[in-house]
């Protein structure tokens, strides 16, 4: 009986810890308030609408903010994939809305 109680408590603790980790890392940090206070290393896979660069000014951290249809995501500017996406975004040819 005691073993069953310990097992159930352990299972409950694992479920709580797993749910906390899942909810905090699922989409990465989003912009809350006026700036990014932490950054994610997770890749942004949604199409990027706009990019903003944020300088460090406590409590705000240095970040690249990717704007997508899902919202704005704070990313670590030191990550190679972030640098590549920024380069691709600013070097792609502008799409023309005027057709001849």
Protein backbone atom coordinates (compact mmCIF):
# COMPACT_ATOMS: atom_id res chain seq x y z
CA UNK A 1 0.00 0.00 0.00
CA UNK A 2 2.83 2.42 0.89
CA UNK A 3 4.62 1.60 -2.38
CA UNK A 4 1.49 2.44 -4.37
CA UNK A 5 1.18 5.83 -2.60
CA UNK A 6 4.83 6.67 -3.31
CA UNK A 7 4.41 5.64 -6.94
CA UNK A 8 1.32 7.83 -7.37
CA UNK A 9 3.06 10.85 -5.80
CA UNK A 10 6.08 10.34 -8.03
CA UNK A 11 3.85 10.09 -11.09
CA UNK A 12 2.04 13.31 -10.12
CA UNK A 13 5.35 15.14 -9.71
CA UNK A 14 6.56 13.93 -13.13
CA UNK A 15 3.32 15.07 -14.78
CA UNK A 16 3.57 18.54 -13.22
CA UNK A 17 7.23 18.98 -14.17
CA UNK A 18 6.60 17.74 -17.72
CA UNK A 19 3.67 20.10 -18.22
CA UNK A 20 5.67 23.09 -16.95
CA UNK A 21 8.58 22.30 -19.27
CA UNK A 22 6.26 21.72 -22.23
CA UNK A 23 4.35 24.98 -21.78
CA UNK A 24 7.49 27.09 -21.33
CA UNK A 25 9.41 25.64 -24.29
CA UNK A 26 6.67 24.80 -26.80
CA UNK A 27 6.72 28.02 -28.79
CA UNK A 28 9.68 29.82 -27.31
CA UNK A 29 9.60 33.20 -25.66
CA UNK A 30 7.14 35.64 -27.16
CA UNK A 31 7.31 39.39 -26.81
CA UNK A 32 5.37 40.35 -23.72
CA UNK A 33 5.06 43.99 -22.85
CA UNK A 34 7.50 46.29 -24.52
CA UNK A 35 10.54 44.03 -25.02
CA UNK A 36 12.11 40.57 -24.89
CA UNK A 37 13.35 39.68 -21.43
CA UNK A 38 14.65 36.25 -22.52
CA UNK A 39 15.40 34.55 -25.83
CA UNK A 40 14.90 31.13 -27.33
CA UNK A 41 17.26 28.97 -29.35
CA UNK A 42 14.34 27.12 -30.99
CA UNK A 43 14.00 27.56 -34.76
CA UNK A 44 11.14 29.73 -36.02
CA UNK A 45 9.45 27.71 -38.77
CA UNK A 46 6.50 29.98 -39.58
CA UNK A 47 6.87 32.42 -42.50
CA UNK A 48 8.55 35.61 -41.31
CA UNK A 49 6.67 38.85 -41.94
CA UNK A 50 9.14 41.24 -40.32
CA UNK A 51 12.32 41.26 -38.27
CA UNK A 52 13.30 43.67 -35.50
CA UNK A 53 16.63 43.90 -33.74
CA UNK A 54 16.52 44.67 -30.02
CA UNK A 55 19.50 46.08 -28.13
CA UNK A 56 20.23 45.14 -24.56
CA UNK A 57 18.86 47.63 -22.06
CA UNK A 58 17.94 45.92 -18.80
CA UNK A 59 15.52 44.29 -18.23
CA UNK A 60 15.44 43.82 -22.02
CA UNK A 61 18.01 41.47 -23.55
CA UNK A 62 19.75 41.53 -26.92
CA UNK A 63 17.40 39.73 -29.32
CA UNK A 64 16.17 39.26 -32.84
CA UNK A 65 12.38 39.51 -32.90
CA UNK A 66 10.76 37.49 -35.66
CA UNK A 67 7.22 38.61 -36.49
CA UNK A 68 4.98 35.86 -37.87
CA UNK A 69 1.22 35.36 -38.18
CA UNK A 70 1.44 33.46 -34.88
CA UNK A 71 3.00 36.45 -33.08
CA UNK A 72 6.45 37.79 -32.29
CA UNK A 73 9.23 35.48 -31.13
CA UNK A 74 12.39 36.47 -29.27
CA UNK A 75 15.42 34.64 -30.62
CA UNK A 76 19.07 34.51 -29.63
CA UNK A 77 21.06 36.58 -32.15
CA UNK A 78 24.16 34.40 -31.61
CA UNK A 79 22.47 31.32 -33.06
CA UNK A 80 23.70 30.50 -36.60
CA UNK A 81 20.15 29.79 -37.83
CA UNK A 82 19.02 33.23 -36.61
CA UNK A 83 21.86 34.95 -38.44
CA UNK A 84 21.03 33.00 -41.62
CA UNK A 85 17.31 33.91 -41.46
CA UNK A 86 18.14 37.60 -40.93
CA UNK A 87 20.54 37.51 -43.89
CA UNK A 88 17.95 35.77 -46.09
CA UNK A 89 15.20 38.18 -45.05
CA UNK A 90 17.21 41.32 -45.85
CA UNK A 91 18.74 40.03 -49.11
CA UNK A 92 15.62 38.59 -50.73
CA UNK A 93 14.33 40.69 -53.63
CA UNK A 94 11.30 42.83 -52.76
CA UNK A 95 8.03 41.59 -54.15
CA UNK A 96 6.45 44.05 -56.50
CA UNK A 97 2.76 44.79 -56.13
CA UNK A 98 2.66 46.61 -59.47
CA UNK A 99 2.17 44.41 -62.52
CA UNK A 100 2.73 45.54 -66.06
